[in-house]
Amino acid sequence: MSHNVVTVEFGDGFRLYAINDGGGCHLYRFLLSKHEEAEAWILDSKRVIPAEPENAELSEETVVLDPDEPWAFASRASRERLWITGPRNSDEAIAETGWKTGDMYDA
């Protein structure tokens, strides 16, 4: 399995961490507080995917997924609920807003 940790950066520089499932080609929506927690989740043989929290979108903020990479991607997340509430990839962003591909990577 090819999982990796993805940084989620809020406007004030605060960071949380997500898990990308490279084999399944998707980013999980749940967030973890520490990079080490995300790495431990990847290595855990009894992984549990958290249930979607209620009303996470009520506390969503603009974030950048993978801000240190050339493919940094603008989205939304709730630091309070530890959940990505916005698009996780270009297909979801296009479906949600009709953005042009170039507009999504202006993070």
C-alpha atoms as a PDB file:
ATOM      1  CA  MET A   1       0.000   0.000   0.000  1.00  0.00           C
ATOM      2  CA  SER A   2       1.256   3.448  -0.802  1.00  0.00           C
ATOM      3  CA  HIS A   3      -0.036   5.840   1.807  1.00  0.00           C
ATOM      4  CA  ASN A   4       1.635   9.146   2.559  1.00  0.00           C
ATOM      5  CA  VAL A   5       1.119  12.094   4.890  1.00  0.00           C
ATOM      6  CA  VAL A   6      -0.210  15.330   3.401  1.00  0.00           C
ATOM      7  CA  THR A   7       0.145  18.664   5.180  1.00  0.00           C
ATOM      8  CA  VAL A   8      -2.984  20.815   5.474  1.00  0.00           C
ATOM      9  CA  GLU A   9      -2.081  24.440   6.167  1.00  0.00           C
ATOM     10  CA  PHE A  10      -4.516  27.065   7.437  1.00  0.00           C
ATOM     11  CA  GLY A  11      -4.253  30.778   6.654  1.00  0.00           C
ATOM     12  CA  ASP A  12      -2.491  31.541   9.938  1.00  0.00           C
ATOM     13  CA  GLY A  13       0.179  28.884   9.285  1.00  0.00           C
ATOM     14  CA  PHE A  14      -1.395  26.280  11.609  1.00  0.00           C
ATOM     15  CA  ARG A  15      -0.942  22.770  10.211  1.00  0.00           C
ATOM     16  CA  LEU A  16      -2.847  19.523  10.480  1.00  0.00           C
ATOM     17  CA  TYR A  17      -2.160  16.289   8.614  1.00  0.00           C
ATOM     18  CA  ALA A  18      -4.161  14.117   6.236  1.00  0.00           C
ATOM     19  CA  ILE A  19      -3.547  10.691   4.728  1.00  0.00           C
ATOM     20  CA  ASN A  20      -3.344  10.107   1.004  1.00  0.00           C
ATOM     21  CA  ASP A  21      -4.115   6.588  -0.201  1.00  0.00           C
ATOM     22  CA  GLY A  22      -2.004   6.405  -3.338  1.00  0.00           C
ATOM     23  CA  GLY A  23      -3.292   2.941  -4.188  1.00  0.00           C
ATOM     24  CA  GLY A  24      -6.912   4.074  -4.056  1.00  0.00           C
ATOM     25  CA  CYS A  25      -6.067   7.501  -5.475  1.00  0.00           C
ATOM     26  CA  HIS A  26      -7.866   9.490  -2.802  1.00  0.00           C
ATOM     27  CA  LEU A  27      -7.221  11.711   0.197  1.00  0.00           C
ATOM     28  CA  TYR A  28      -9.087  10.743   3.342  1.00  0.00           C
ATOM     29  CA  ARG A  29     -11.149  13.584   4.843  1.00  0.00           C
ATOM     30  CA  PHE A  30     -10.135  13.078   8.483  1.00  0.00           C
ATOM     31  CA  LEU A  31      -7.235  15.104   9.896  1.00  0.00           C
ATOM     32  CA  LEU A  32      -4.675  14.366  12.569  1.00  0.00           C
ATOM     33  CA  SER A  33      -2.949  16.852  14.865  1.00  0.00           C
ATOM     34  CA  LYS A  34       0.614  15.637  14.460  1.00  0.00           C
ATOM     35  CA  HIS A  35       2.683  14.291  11.588  1.00  0.00           C
ATOM     36  CA  GLU A  36       3.737  11.423  13.857  1.00  0.00           C
ATOM     37  CA  GLU A  37       0.083  10.481  14.461  1.00  0.00           C
ATOM     38  CA  ALA A  38      -0.487  10.330  10.711  1.00  0.00           C
ATOM     39  CA  GLU A  39       2.564   8.123  10.221  1.00  0.00           C
ATOM     40  CA  ALA A  40       1.395   5.834  13.044  1.00  0.00           C
ATOM     41  CA  TRP A  41      -2.070   5.569  11.426  1.00  0.00           C
ATOM     42  CA  ILE A  42      -0.454   4.487   8.160  1.00  0.00           C
ATOM     43  CA  LEU A  43       1.546   1.755   9.922  1.00  0.00           C
ATOM     44  CA  ASP A  44      -1.358   0.528  12.088  1.00  0.00           C
ATOM     45  CA  SER A  45      -2.640  -2.870  10.918  1.00  0.00           C
ATOM     46  CA  LYS A  46      -6.044  -2.140  12.527  1.00  0.00           C
ATOM     47  CA  ARG A  47      -6.755   1.242  10.925  1.00  0.00           C
ATOM     48  CA  VAL A  48     -10.010   2.935  11.772  1.00  0.00           C
ATOM     49  CA  ILE A  49     -11.418   5.618   9.500  1.00  0.00           C
ATOM     50  CA  PRO A  50     -13.258   8.138  11.685  1.00  0.00           C
ATOM     51  CA  ALA A  51     -16.920   8.876  11.004  1.00  0.00           C
ATOM     52  CA  GLU A  52     -17.779  12.229   9.492  1.00  0.00           C
ATOM     53  CA  PRO A  53     -18.363  14.763  12.274  1.00  0.00           C
ATOM     54  CA  GLU A  54     -21.597  16.737  12.299  1.00  0.00           C
ATOM     55  CA  ASN A  55     -21.537  20.325  11.075  1.00  0.00           C
ATOM     56  CA  ALA A  56     -17.843  20.441  10.205  1.00  0.00           C
ATOM     57  CA  GLU A  57     -18.660  22.859   7.408  1.00  0.00           C
ATOM     58  CA  LEU A  58     -19.868  25.410   9.995  1.00  0.00           C
ATOM     59  CA  SER A  59     -16.291  25.906  11.184  1.00  0.00           C
ATOM     60  CA  GLU A  60     -14.504  25.470   7.862  1.00  0.00           C
ATOM     61  CA  GLU A  61     -11.609  27.684   6.853  1.00  0.00           C
ATOM     62  CA  THR A  62      -9.595  28.067   3.685  1.00  0.00           C
ATOM     63  CA  VAL A  63      -6.589  25.741   3.613  1.00  0.00           C
ATOM     64  CA  VAL A  64      -3.836  24.663   1.276  1.00  0.00           C
ATOM     65  CA  LEU A  65      -3.276  20.947   0.788  1.00  0.00           C
ATOM     66  CA  ASP A  66       0.418  20.052   0.446  1.00  0.00           C
ATOM     67  CA  PRO A  67       1.642  23.690   0.655  1.00  0.00           C
ATOM     68  CA  ASP A  68       5.313  22.737   0.302  1.00  0.00           C
ATOM     69  CA  GLU A  69       4.779  20.975  -3.017  1.00  0.00           C
ATOM     70  CA  PRO A  70       4.453  22.427  -6.535  1.00  0.00           C
ATOM     71  CA  TRP A  71       0.956  20.913  -6.782  1.00  0.00           C
ATOM     72  CA  ALA A  72      -0.344  22.771  -3.683  1.00  0.00           C
ATOM     73  CA  PHE A  73      -4.113  22.814  -3.794  1.00  0.00           C
ATOM     74  CA  ALA A  74      -6.613  25.284  -2.284  1.00  0.00           C
ATOM     75  CA  SER A  75      -9.506  23.753  -0.321  1.00  0.00           C
ATOM     76  CA  ARG A  76     -11.395  24.062   2.991  1.00  0.00           C
ATOM     77  CA  ALA A  77     -11.163  22.255   6.327  1.00  0.00           C
ATOM     78  CA  SER A  78     -12.379  22.443   9.911  1.00  0.00           C
ATOM     79  CA  ARG A  79      -9.563  22.545  12.442  1.00  0.00           C
ATOM     80  CA  GLU A  80     -12.191  22.221  15.192  1.00  0.00           C
ATOM     81  CA  ARG A  81     -13.691  19.031  13.733  1.00  0.00           C
ATOM     82  CA  LEU A  82     -10.438  17.727  12.161  1.00  0.00           C
ATOM     83  CA  TRP A  83     -12.084  17.269   8.783  1.00  0.00           C
ATOM     84  CA  ILE A  84     -11.479  18.321   5.172  1.00  0.00           C
ATOM     85  CA  THR A  85     -14.752  19.918   4.090  1.00  0.00           C
ATOM     86  CA  GLY A  86     -13.738  21.101   0.631  1.00  0.00           C
ATOM     87  CA  PRO A  87     -12.438  19.444  -2.493  1.00  0.00           C
ATOM     88  CA  ARG A  88      -9.617  16.932  -2.157  1.00  0.00           C
ATOM     89  CA  ASN A  89      -8.588  16.879  -5.799  1.00  0.00           C
ATOM     90  CA  SER A  90      -9.129  18.690  -9.070  1.00  0.00           C
ATOM     91  CA  ASP A  91     -12.094  16.523 -10.082  1.00  0.00           C
ATOM     92  CA  GLU A  92     -13.982  17.424  -6.887  1.00  0.00           C
ATOM     93  CA  ALA A  93     -13.084  21.107  -7.298  1.00  0.00           C
ATOM     94  CA  ILE A  94     -14.331  21.192 -10.870  1.00  0.00           C
ATOM     95  CA  ALA A  95     -17.545  19.385  -9.892  1.00  0.00           C
ATOM     96  CA  GLU A  96     -18.114  21.818  -7.021  1.00  0.00           C
ATOM     97  CA  THR A  97     -17.330  25.142  -8.654  1.00  0.00           C
ATOM     98  CA  GLY A  98     -16.583  24.654 -12.302  1.00  0.00           C
ATOM     99  CA  TRP A  99     -13.059  26.043 -11.765  1.00  0.00           C
ATOM    100  CA  LYS A 100     -10.585  25.857 -14.555  1.00  0.00           C
ATOM    101  CA  THR A 101      -7.690  23.557 -13.690  1.00  0.00           C
ATOM    102  CA  GLY A 102      -5.183  26.435 -13.519  1.00  0.00           C
ATOM    103  CA  ASP A 103      -7.270  28.285 -10.904  1.00  0.00           C
ATOM    104  CA  MET A 104      -7.091  25.440  -8.369  1.00  0.00           C
ATOM    105  CA  TYR A 105      -3.350  25.460  -8.005  1.00  0.00           C
ATOM    106  CA  ASP A 106      -3.007  29.159  -7.171  1.00  0.00           C
ATOM    107  CA  ALA A 107      -2.621  28.226  -3.511  1.00  0.00           C
END
